N, C-alpha and C. Protein backbone atom coordinates (compact mmCIF):
# COMPACT_ATOMS: atom_id res chain seq x y z
N MET A 1 -122.44 63.96 169.55
CA MET A 1 -122.83 64.11 168.16
C MET A 1 -124.36 64.15 168.08
N ASP A 2 -124.84 64.97 167.21
CA ASP A 2 -126.27 65.18 166.98
C ASP A 2 -126.87 63.98 166.23
N PRO A 3 -127.93 63.34 166.75
CA PRO A 3 -128.55 62.19 166.07
C PRO A 3 -129.07 62.56 164.67
N LEU A 4 -129.52 63.80 164.49
CA LEU A 4 -130.00 64.21 163.17
C LEU A 4 -128.85 64.21 162.16
N VAL A 5 -127.70 64.70 162.55
CA VAL A 5 -126.54 64.72 161.65
C VAL A 5 -126.10 63.30 161.32
N ILE A 6 -126.10 62.43 162.31
CA ILE A 6 -125.73 61.03 162.06
C ILE A 6 -126.70 60.40 161.06
N THR A 7 -127.98 60.64 161.26
CA THR A 7 -129.00 60.09 160.35
C THR A 7 -128.83 60.66 158.95
N LEU A 8 -128.63 61.97 158.85
CA LEU A 8 -128.44 62.59 157.54
C LEU A 8 -127.20 62.06 156.83
N ARG A 9 -126.11 61.93 157.57
CA ARG A 9 -124.88 61.40 156.96
C ARG A 9 -125.09 59.96 156.50
N PHE A 10 -125.77 59.16 157.31
CA PHE A 10 -126.06 57.77 156.93
C PHE A 10 -126.86 57.73 155.63
N VAL A 11 -127.95 58.49 155.59
CA VAL A 11 -128.79 58.53 154.39
C VAL A 11 -127.98 59.03 153.19
N HIS A 12 -127.21 60.09 153.39
CA HIS A 12 -126.43 60.68 152.30
C HIS A 12 -125.40 59.68 151.74
N VAL A 13 -124.65 59.07 152.63
CA VAL A 13 -123.59 58.16 152.17
C VAL A 13 -124.18 56.89 151.54
N VAL A 14 -125.17 56.29 152.17
CA VAL A 14 -125.74 55.05 151.64
C VAL A 14 -126.47 55.30 150.32
N CYS A 15 -127.34 56.30 150.29
CA CYS A 15 -128.06 56.59 149.04
C CYS A 15 -127.08 57.03 147.94
N GLY A 16 -126.12 57.86 148.31
CA GLY A 16 -125.14 58.32 147.32
C GLY A 16 -124.29 57.19 146.78
N ALA A 17 -123.82 56.30 147.64
CA ALA A 17 -123.00 55.17 147.20
C ALA A 17 -123.79 54.26 146.26
N LEU A 18 -125.03 53.96 146.63
CA LEU A 18 -125.86 53.11 145.77
C LEU A 18 -126.16 53.79 144.44
N TRP A 19 -126.52 55.08 144.49
CA TRP A 19 -126.85 55.82 143.27
C TRP A 19 -125.63 55.86 142.33
N VAL A 20 -124.50 56.27 142.84
CA VAL A 20 -123.31 56.40 141.99
C VAL A 20 -122.85 55.03 141.51
N GLY A 21 -122.81 54.05 142.39
CA GLY A 21 -122.37 52.72 141.99
C GLY A 21 -123.25 52.10 140.92
N MET A 22 -124.56 52.17 141.14
CA MET A 22 -125.49 51.62 140.15
C MET A 22 -125.38 52.38 138.84
N PHE A 23 -125.22 53.69 138.94
CA PHE A 23 -125.18 54.51 137.73
C PHE A 23 -123.92 54.24 136.93
N VAL A 24 -122.78 54.16 137.60
CA VAL A 24 -121.52 53.91 136.89
C VAL A 24 -121.55 52.52 136.26
N PHE A 25 -122.03 51.51 136.97
CA PHE A 25 -122.16 50.17 136.41
C PHE A 25 -123.05 50.19 135.16
N SER A 26 -124.20 50.84 135.29
CA SER A 26 -125.13 50.90 134.16
C SER A 26 -124.52 51.63 132.97
N SER A 27 -123.83 52.73 133.23
CA SER A 27 -123.30 53.57 132.15
C SER A 27 -122.16 52.92 131.39
N PHE A 28 -121.25 52.27 132.11
CA PHE A 28 -120.04 51.77 131.47
C PHE A 28 -120.06 50.28 131.15
N PHE A 29 -121.02 49.55 131.71
CA PHE A 29 -121.06 48.12 131.45
C PHE A 29 -122.40 47.65 130.89
N LEU A 30 -123.49 47.98 131.59
CA LEU A 30 -124.80 47.46 131.21
C LEU A 30 -125.32 48.06 129.90
N LEU A 31 -125.37 49.39 129.80
CA LEU A 31 -125.90 50.01 128.58
C LEU A 31 -125.09 49.66 127.34
N PRO A 32 -123.75 49.67 127.39
CA PRO A 32 -123.01 49.26 126.19
C PRO A 32 -123.30 47.81 125.79
N ALA A 33 -123.46 46.92 126.78
CA ALA A 33 -123.77 45.52 126.46
C ALA A 33 -125.16 45.42 125.84
N ILE A 34 -126.10 46.20 126.33
CA ILE A 34 -127.46 46.19 125.77
C ILE A 34 -127.43 46.70 124.34
N GLN A 35 -126.65 47.75 124.08
CA GLN A 35 -126.54 48.27 122.71
C GLN A 35 -125.93 47.24 121.78
N GLU A 36 -124.90 46.54 122.23
CA GLU A 36 -124.26 45.51 121.41
C GLU A 36 -125.22 44.38 121.09
N ALA A 37 -126.17 44.12 121.98
CA ALA A 37 -127.11 43.02 121.78
C ALA A 37 -128.14 43.32 120.70
N GLY A 38 -128.22 44.58 120.28
CA GLY A 38 -129.18 44.95 119.23
C GLY A 38 -130.61 44.78 119.70
N PRO A 39 -131.47 44.22 118.83
CA PRO A 39 -132.89 44.08 119.18
C PRO A 39 -133.13 43.25 120.44
N GLU A 40 -132.26 42.29 120.71
CA GLU A 40 -132.43 41.47 121.92
C GLU A 40 -132.18 42.28 123.19
N GLY A 41 -131.44 43.38 123.08
CA GLY A 41 -131.19 44.23 124.23
C GLY A 41 -132.48 44.82 124.78
N GLY A 42 -133.48 44.95 123.93
CA GLY A 42 -134.77 45.46 124.37
C GLY A 42 -135.40 44.60 125.46
N LYS A 43 -135.18 43.29 125.37
CA LYS A 43 -135.72 42.39 126.40
C LYS A 43 -135.07 42.66 127.75
N VAL A 44 -133.77 42.91 127.73
CA VAL A 44 -133.06 43.21 128.98
C VAL A 44 -133.55 44.54 129.54
N MET A 45 -133.67 45.55 128.66
CA MET A 45 -134.17 46.86 129.09
C MET A 45 -135.56 46.72 129.72
N ALA A 46 -136.42 45.94 129.08
CA ALA A 46 -137.78 45.75 129.61
C ALA A 46 -137.73 45.07 130.98
N GLY A 47 -136.84 44.08 131.13
CA GLY A 47 -136.69 43.40 132.42
C GLY A 47 -136.20 44.34 133.50
N ILE A 48 -135.26 45.21 133.15
CA ILE A 48 -134.75 46.19 134.11
C ILE A 48 -135.86 47.14 134.52
N GLN A 49 -136.64 47.57 133.56
CA GLN A 49 -137.74 48.49 133.86
C GLN A 49 -138.78 47.81 134.76
N ARG A 50 -139.11 46.54 134.48
CA ARG A 50 -140.09 45.83 135.31
C ARG A 50 -139.61 45.69 136.75
N ARG A 51 -138.31 45.61 136.96
CA ARG A 51 -137.76 45.47 138.31
C ARG A 51 -137.61 46.80 139.02
N GLY A 52 -137.97 47.89 138.36
CA GLY A 52 -138.05 49.18 139.01
C GLY A 52 -136.77 50.00 139.06
N LEU A 53 -135.77 49.66 138.26
CA LEU A 53 -134.52 50.42 138.31
C LEU A 53 -134.74 51.89 137.99
N MET A 54 -135.64 52.18 137.06
CA MET A 54 -135.88 53.56 136.65
C MET A 54 -136.68 54.33 137.72
N THR A 55 -137.14 53.65 138.74
CA THR A 55 -137.80 54.29 139.88
C THR A 55 -136.84 54.37 141.07
N VAL A 56 -136.09 53.29 141.30
CA VAL A 56 -135.20 53.22 142.46
C VAL A 56 -134.07 54.24 142.35
N MET A 57 -133.43 54.33 141.19
CA MET A 57 -132.28 55.24 141.09
C MET A 57 -132.65 56.70 141.33
N PRO A 58 -133.74 57.23 140.78
CA PRO A 58 -134.10 58.61 141.12
C PRO A 58 -134.43 58.80 142.61
N LEU A 59 -135.02 57.79 143.24
CA LEU A 59 -135.32 57.89 144.67
C LEU A 59 -134.04 57.91 145.50
N LEU A 60 -133.07 57.08 145.13
CA LEU A 60 -131.77 57.11 145.81
C LEU A 60 -131.11 58.48 145.64
N ALA A 61 -131.21 59.00 144.42
CA ALA A 61 -130.62 60.31 144.13
C ALA A 61 -131.27 61.39 144.98
N ILE A 62 -132.57 61.37 145.08
CA ILE A 62 -133.28 62.38 145.88
C ILE A 62 -132.87 62.27 147.35
N GLY A 63 -132.75 61.04 147.86
CA GLY A 63 -132.29 60.85 149.23
C GLY A 63 -130.90 61.44 149.44
N ALA A 64 -130.00 61.18 148.50
CA ALA A 64 -128.64 61.71 148.62
C ALA A 64 -128.62 63.23 148.49
N LEU A 65 -129.40 63.76 147.56
CA LEU A 65 -129.39 65.21 147.33
C LEU A 65 -130.00 65.98 148.49
N ILE A 66 -131.16 65.55 148.95
CA ILE A 66 -131.84 66.29 150.04
C ILE A 66 -131.00 66.23 151.32
N SER A 67 -130.50 65.05 151.65
CA SER A 67 -129.68 64.95 152.87
C SER A 67 -128.38 65.73 152.71
N GLY A 68 -127.81 65.74 151.51
CA GLY A 68 -126.58 66.50 151.27
C GLY A 68 -126.79 68.00 151.39
N ILE A 69 -127.88 68.50 150.84
CA ILE A 69 -128.19 69.93 150.94
C ILE A 69 -128.40 70.30 152.42
N TRP A 70 -129.11 69.46 153.14
CA TRP A 70 -129.37 69.72 154.56
C TRP A 70 -128.05 69.73 155.35
N LEU A 71 -127.18 68.76 155.08
CA LEU A 71 -125.88 68.71 155.75
C LEU A 71 -125.05 69.95 155.42
N TYR A 72 -125.08 70.37 154.16
CA TYR A 72 -124.31 71.56 153.75
C TYR A 72 -124.80 72.79 154.51
N LEU A 73 -126.11 72.95 154.57
CA LEU A 73 -126.67 74.12 155.27
C LEU A 73 -126.36 74.07 156.77
N ARG A 74 -126.38 72.88 157.37
CA ARG A 74 -126.04 72.75 158.80
C ARG A 74 -124.57 73.09 159.02
N ALA A 75 -123.70 72.62 158.12
CA ALA A 75 -122.27 72.90 158.26
C ALA A 75 -121.98 74.39 158.06
N ALA A 76 -122.78 75.04 157.20
CA ALA A 76 -122.58 76.46 156.92
C ALA A 76 -122.99 77.33 158.11
N GLY A 77 -123.75 76.79 159.03
CA GLY A 77 -124.16 77.51 160.23
C GLY A 77 -124.90 78.80 159.94
N GLY A 78 -125.76 78.79 158.95
CA GLY A 78 -126.55 79.98 158.64
C GLY A 78 -125.83 80.98 157.76
N MET A 79 -124.60 80.67 157.34
CA MET A 79 -123.85 81.58 156.48
C MET A 79 -123.30 80.81 155.26
N PRO A 80 -124.19 80.34 154.37
CA PRO A 80 -123.73 79.52 153.25
C PRO A 80 -122.78 80.26 152.30
N ALA A 81 -122.94 81.57 152.14
CA ALA A 81 -122.06 82.32 151.23
C ALA A 81 -120.62 82.32 151.75
N GLU A 82 -120.45 82.55 153.05
CA GLU A 82 -119.10 82.54 153.64
C GLU A 82 -118.52 81.12 153.62
N TYR A 83 -119.34 80.13 153.98
CA TYR A 83 -118.88 78.74 153.99
C TYR A 83 -118.46 78.31 152.59
N GLY A 84 -119.22 78.74 151.59
CA GLY A 84 -118.93 78.38 150.20
C GLY A 84 -117.62 78.95 149.69
N ARG A 85 -117.09 79.96 150.35
CA ARG A 85 -115.80 80.53 149.94
C ARG A 85 -114.62 79.82 150.61
N SER A 86 -114.89 79.02 151.61
CA SER A 86 -113.81 78.27 152.24
C SER A 86 -113.47 77.06 151.36
N PRO A 87 -112.24 76.53 151.45
CA PRO A 87 -111.89 75.37 150.63
C PRO A 87 -112.82 74.18 150.85
N VAL A 88 -113.16 73.92 152.10
CA VAL A 88 -114.05 72.79 152.40
C VAL A 88 -115.44 73.04 151.83
N GLY A 89 -115.98 74.22 152.10
CA GLY A 89 -117.31 74.56 151.60
C GLY A 89 -117.36 74.59 150.08
N LEU A 90 -116.30 75.08 149.46
CA LEU A 90 -116.24 75.12 147.99
C LEU A 90 -116.25 73.71 147.41
N ALA A 91 -115.47 72.81 148.00
CA ALA A 91 -115.43 71.43 147.50
C ALA A 91 -116.79 70.75 147.67
N TYR A 92 -117.38 70.90 148.86
CA TYR A 92 -118.71 70.31 149.07
C TYR A 92 -119.73 70.94 148.13
N GLY A 93 -119.66 72.25 147.97
CA GLY A 93 -120.60 72.95 147.11
C GLY A 93 -120.49 72.54 145.65
N LEU A 94 -119.25 72.47 145.14
CA LEU A 94 -119.06 72.06 143.74
C LEU A 94 -119.47 70.60 143.53
N GLY A 95 -119.15 69.75 144.51
CA GLY A 95 -119.58 68.36 144.42
C GLY A 95 -121.10 68.24 144.43
N GLY A 96 -121.74 69.01 145.30
CA GLY A 96 -123.20 69.00 145.35
C GLY A 96 -123.82 69.54 144.08
N LEU A 97 -123.24 70.61 143.54
CA LEU A 97 -123.74 71.17 142.28
C LEU A 97 -123.61 70.15 141.15
N ALA A 98 -122.48 69.46 141.09
CA ALA A 98 -122.29 68.43 140.06
C ALA A 98 -123.35 67.33 140.19
N ALA A 99 -123.65 66.93 141.43
CA ALA A 99 -124.66 65.89 141.64
C ALA A 99 -126.05 66.37 141.23
N ILE A 100 -126.36 67.63 141.52
CA ILE A 100 -127.67 68.17 141.13
C ILE A 100 -127.79 68.23 139.61
N VAL A 101 -126.74 68.69 138.92
CA VAL A 101 -126.75 68.73 137.45
C VAL A 101 -126.88 67.31 136.90
N ALA A 102 -126.18 66.35 137.52
CA ALA A 102 -126.27 64.96 137.08
C ALA A 102 -127.70 64.44 137.21
N TRP A 103 -128.35 64.75 138.32
CA TRP A 103 -129.73 64.30 138.52
C TRP A 103 -130.66 64.92 137.47
N ILE A 104 -130.49 66.21 137.21
CA ILE A 104 -131.33 66.88 136.21
C ILE A 104 -131.12 66.27 134.83
N LEU A 105 -129.86 66.05 134.45
CA LEU A 105 -129.55 65.44 133.15
C LEU A 105 -130.13 64.03 133.07
N GLY A 106 -129.99 63.27 134.13
CA GLY A 106 -130.53 61.92 134.14
C GLY A 106 -132.05 61.90 134.00
N MET A 107 -132.71 62.84 134.67
CA MET A 107 -134.17 62.86 134.66
C MET A 107 -134.75 63.47 133.37
N THR A 108 -134.03 64.38 132.74
CA THR A 108 -134.59 65.07 131.56
C THR A 108 -134.12 64.50 130.23
N VAL A 109 -132.99 63.79 130.22
CA VAL A 109 -132.47 63.25 128.95
C VAL A 109 -132.40 61.73 128.99
N MET A 110 -131.63 61.20 129.94
CA MET A 110 -131.38 59.76 129.94
C MET A 110 -132.62 58.92 130.22
N ARG A 111 -133.30 59.20 131.30
CA ARG A 111 -134.47 58.40 131.69
C ARG A 111 -135.56 58.41 130.62
N PRO A 112 -135.96 59.59 130.09
CA PRO A 112 -136.99 59.57 129.05
C PRO A 112 -136.55 58.81 127.79
N SER A 113 -135.27 58.92 127.43
CA SER A 113 -134.78 58.20 126.25
C SER A 113 -134.86 56.69 126.46
N MET A 114 -134.48 56.23 127.64
CA MET A 114 -134.53 54.80 127.92
C MET A 114 -135.96 54.29 127.95
N LEU A 115 -136.84 55.03 128.62
CA LEU A 115 -138.24 54.59 128.70
C LEU A 115 -138.90 54.56 127.33
N LYS A 116 -138.61 55.57 126.52
CA LYS A 116 -139.21 55.61 125.18
C LYS A 116 -138.67 54.49 124.31
N SER A 117 -137.38 54.16 124.44
CA SER A 117 -136.82 53.07 123.63
C SER A 117 -137.45 51.73 124.01
N VAL A 118 -137.69 51.52 125.31
CA VAL A 118 -138.34 50.29 125.75
C VAL A 118 -139.77 50.22 125.21
N ALA A 119 -140.50 51.33 125.32
CA ALA A 119 -141.88 51.36 124.84
C ALA A 119 -141.95 51.12 123.33
N LEU A 120 -141.05 51.72 122.58
CA LEU A 120 -141.04 51.52 121.13
C LEU A 120 -140.74 50.06 120.78
N GLY A 121 -139.75 49.49 121.47
CA GLY A 121 -139.40 48.10 121.21
C GLY A 121 -140.56 47.16 121.50
N GLN A 122 -141.30 47.47 122.56
CA GLN A 122 -142.44 46.62 122.92
C GLN A 122 -143.65 46.85 122.01
N SER A 123 -143.66 47.98 121.31
CA SER A 123 -144.82 48.29 120.46
C SER A 123 -144.84 47.47 119.18
N LEU A 124 -143.72 46.89 118.82
CA LEU A 124 -143.68 46.08 117.61
C LEU A 124 -144.40 44.76 117.83
N GLY A 125 -145.41 44.56 117.07
CA GLY A 125 -146.14 43.30 117.17
C GLY A 125 -145.59 42.30 116.16
N PRO A 126 -146.06 41.08 116.24
CA PRO A 126 -145.58 40.04 115.32
C PRO A 126 -146.01 40.30 113.88
N THR A 127 -146.99 41.16 113.67
CA THR A 127 -147.48 41.43 112.32
C THR A 127 -146.79 42.62 111.67
N ALA A 128 -145.83 43.23 112.35
CA ALA A 128 -145.13 44.40 111.81
C ALA A 128 -144.32 43.98 110.59
N SER A 129 -144.38 44.81 109.57
CA SER A 129 -143.61 44.53 108.35
C SER A 129 -142.12 44.71 108.62
N ALA A 130 -141.31 44.16 107.73
CA ALA A 130 -139.86 44.28 107.87
C ALA A 130 -139.44 45.74 107.82
N GLU A 131 -140.11 46.51 106.97
CA GLU A 131 -139.79 47.94 106.85
C GLU A 131 -140.14 48.69 108.14
N GLU A 132 -141.33 48.40 108.67
CA GLU A 132 -141.75 49.02 109.93
C GLU A 132 -140.82 48.62 111.07
N ARG A 133 -140.47 47.35 111.14
CA ARG A 133 -139.58 46.85 112.18
C ARG A 133 -138.21 47.55 112.09
N GLN A 134 -137.70 47.71 110.89
CA GLN A 134 -136.40 48.36 110.69
C GLN A 134 -136.47 49.83 111.10
N ARG A 135 -137.55 50.51 110.75
CA ARG A 135 -137.71 51.92 111.10
C ARG A 135 -137.77 52.10 112.61
N VAL A 136 -138.59 51.29 113.27
CA VAL A 136 -138.74 51.40 114.72
C VAL A 136 -137.43 51.03 115.43
N MET A 137 -136.77 49.98 114.98
CA MET A 137 -135.52 49.58 115.63
C MET A 137 -134.42 50.62 115.42
N GLY A 138 -134.45 51.32 114.29
CA GLY A 138 -133.51 52.43 114.07
C GLY A 138 -133.73 53.53 115.10
N GLU A 139 -135.00 53.86 115.35
CA GLU A 139 -135.32 54.88 116.35
C GLU A 139 -134.94 54.39 117.75
N VAL A 140 -135.17 53.11 118.04
CA VAL A 140 -134.79 52.54 119.34
C VAL A 140 -133.27 52.66 119.53
N GLN A 141 -132.51 52.33 118.50
CA GLN A 141 -131.05 52.43 118.60
C GLN A 141 -130.61 53.88 118.80
N ARG A 142 -131.27 54.82 118.13
CA ARG A 142 -130.93 56.24 118.29
C ARG A 142 -131.19 56.68 119.73
N LEU A 143 -132.34 56.28 120.28
CA LEU A 143 -132.68 56.62 121.66
C LEU A 143 -131.71 55.97 122.65
N ARG A 144 -131.33 54.74 122.39
CA ARG A 144 -130.37 54.07 123.28
C ARG A 144 -129.02 54.79 123.22
N GLY A 145 -128.62 55.24 122.04
CA GLY A 145 -127.38 55.99 121.91
C GLY A 145 -127.43 57.30 122.67
N ARG A 146 -128.56 57.98 122.60
CA ARG A 146 -128.74 59.23 123.34
C ARG A 146 -128.68 58.97 124.84
N ALA A 147 -129.35 57.90 125.28
CA ALA A 147 -129.33 57.55 126.69
C ALA A 147 -127.91 57.21 127.14
N ALA A 148 -127.18 56.47 126.31
CA ALA A 148 -125.82 56.07 126.67
C ALA A 148 -124.90 57.29 126.76
N GLY A 149 -125.01 58.22 125.82
CA GLY A 149 -124.18 59.42 125.85
C GLY A 149 -124.46 60.28 127.07
N SER A 150 -125.72 60.51 127.36
CA SER A 150 -126.06 61.32 128.54
C SER A 150 -125.72 60.57 129.81
N SER A 151 -125.78 59.25 129.77
CA SER A 151 -125.44 58.44 130.93
C SER A 151 -123.95 58.57 131.26
N ARG A 152 -123.09 58.56 130.24
CA ARG A 152 -121.65 58.71 130.48
C ARG A 152 -121.34 60.09 131.07
N LEU A 153 -121.99 61.13 130.55
CA LEU A 153 -121.79 62.48 131.08
C LEU A 153 -122.27 62.56 132.53
N THR A 154 -123.43 62.00 132.79
CA THR A 154 -123.98 61.98 134.15
C THR A 154 -123.06 61.22 135.10
N ALA A 155 -122.55 60.07 134.64
CA ALA A 155 -121.63 59.29 135.47
C ALA A 155 -120.37 60.10 135.78
N GLY A 156 -119.86 60.83 134.80
CA GLY A 156 -118.68 61.67 135.04
C GLY A 156 -118.95 62.73 136.09
N LEU A 157 -120.12 63.36 136.01
CA LEU A 157 -120.49 64.36 137.01
C LEU A 157 -120.59 63.74 138.40
N LEU A 158 -121.17 62.55 138.47
CA LEU A 158 -121.30 61.88 139.77
C LEU A 158 -119.94 61.47 140.33
N LEU A 159 -119.04 61.02 139.47
CA LEU A 159 -117.71 60.66 139.94
C LEU A 159 -116.96 61.90 140.43
N PHE A 160 -117.15 63.02 139.76
CA PHE A 160 -116.56 64.28 140.23
C PHE A 160 -117.13 64.63 141.61
N ALA A 161 -118.44 64.49 141.77
CA ALA A 161 -119.08 64.80 143.05
C ALA A 161 -118.51 63.94 144.17
N VAL A 162 -118.36 62.65 143.90
CA VAL A 162 -117.82 61.75 144.91
C VAL A 162 -116.39 62.14 145.26
N ALA A 163 -115.58 62.43 144.24
CA ALA A 163 -114.19 62.82 144.47
C ALA A 163 -114.11 64.11 145.29
N ALA A 164 -114.93 65.10 144.95
CA ALA A 164 -114.92 66.38 145.67
C ALA A 164 -115.29 66.17 147.13
N MET A 165 -116.29 65.35 147.37
CA MET A 165 -116.74 65.13 148.74
C MET A 165 -115.78 64.26 149.53
N ALA A 166 -115.07 63.39 148.83
CA ALA A 166 -114.11 62.52 149.52
C ALA A 166 -112.92 63.31 150.07
N VAL A 167 -112.53 64.37 149.37
CA VAL A 167 -111.34 65.13 149.80
C VAL A 167 -111.67 66.44 150.48
N ALA A 168 -112.91 66.89 150.42
CA ALA A 168 -113.27 68.21 150.93
C ALA A 168 -112.84 68.44 152.37
N ARG A 169 -113.06 67.48 153.18
CA ARG A 169 -112.78 67.59 154.61
C ARG A 169 -111.30 67.87 154.90
N TYR A 170 -110.44 67.47 153.96
CA TYR A 170 -109.00 67.57 154.18
C TYR A 170 -108.38 68.81 153.52
N LEU A 171 -109.20 69.65 152.96
CA LEU A 171 -108.69 70.86 152.29
C LEU A 171 -108.49 72.01 153.27
């Protein structure tokens, strides 16, 4: 066995498992709990941001995506169009495409919405009027809702990618 392939598979599986697992947990458990907490959820969001979750997850995704693309091209043996028409290549290709779309959606919709909601929540000072506080918190809730919706869609795409890759070899 080629050491490069072993290394790529290791990186792909470990980064992918962490990315998908963290994302599914965040989408279906953490974000809904933060939304239910209302204004206090902002403190949790800020704590998550300080611990680097919004940096770690995209890095895990990039590790999984780059190693996956490299593995796909190696498996295709210089003929990705022909490989992509085979059942195995089609499953890997569709799973990879779903993961790429998930990463793009996460980076362009979910991540900016979450970061902006945290920044808005932190911008409220103790001297903010009740009206100002209500307006800002309404916008924070809207952004959290947008992040939660895009997060569920992204999680669905990632679960499809995992399922496609889990069975591809046996097609």
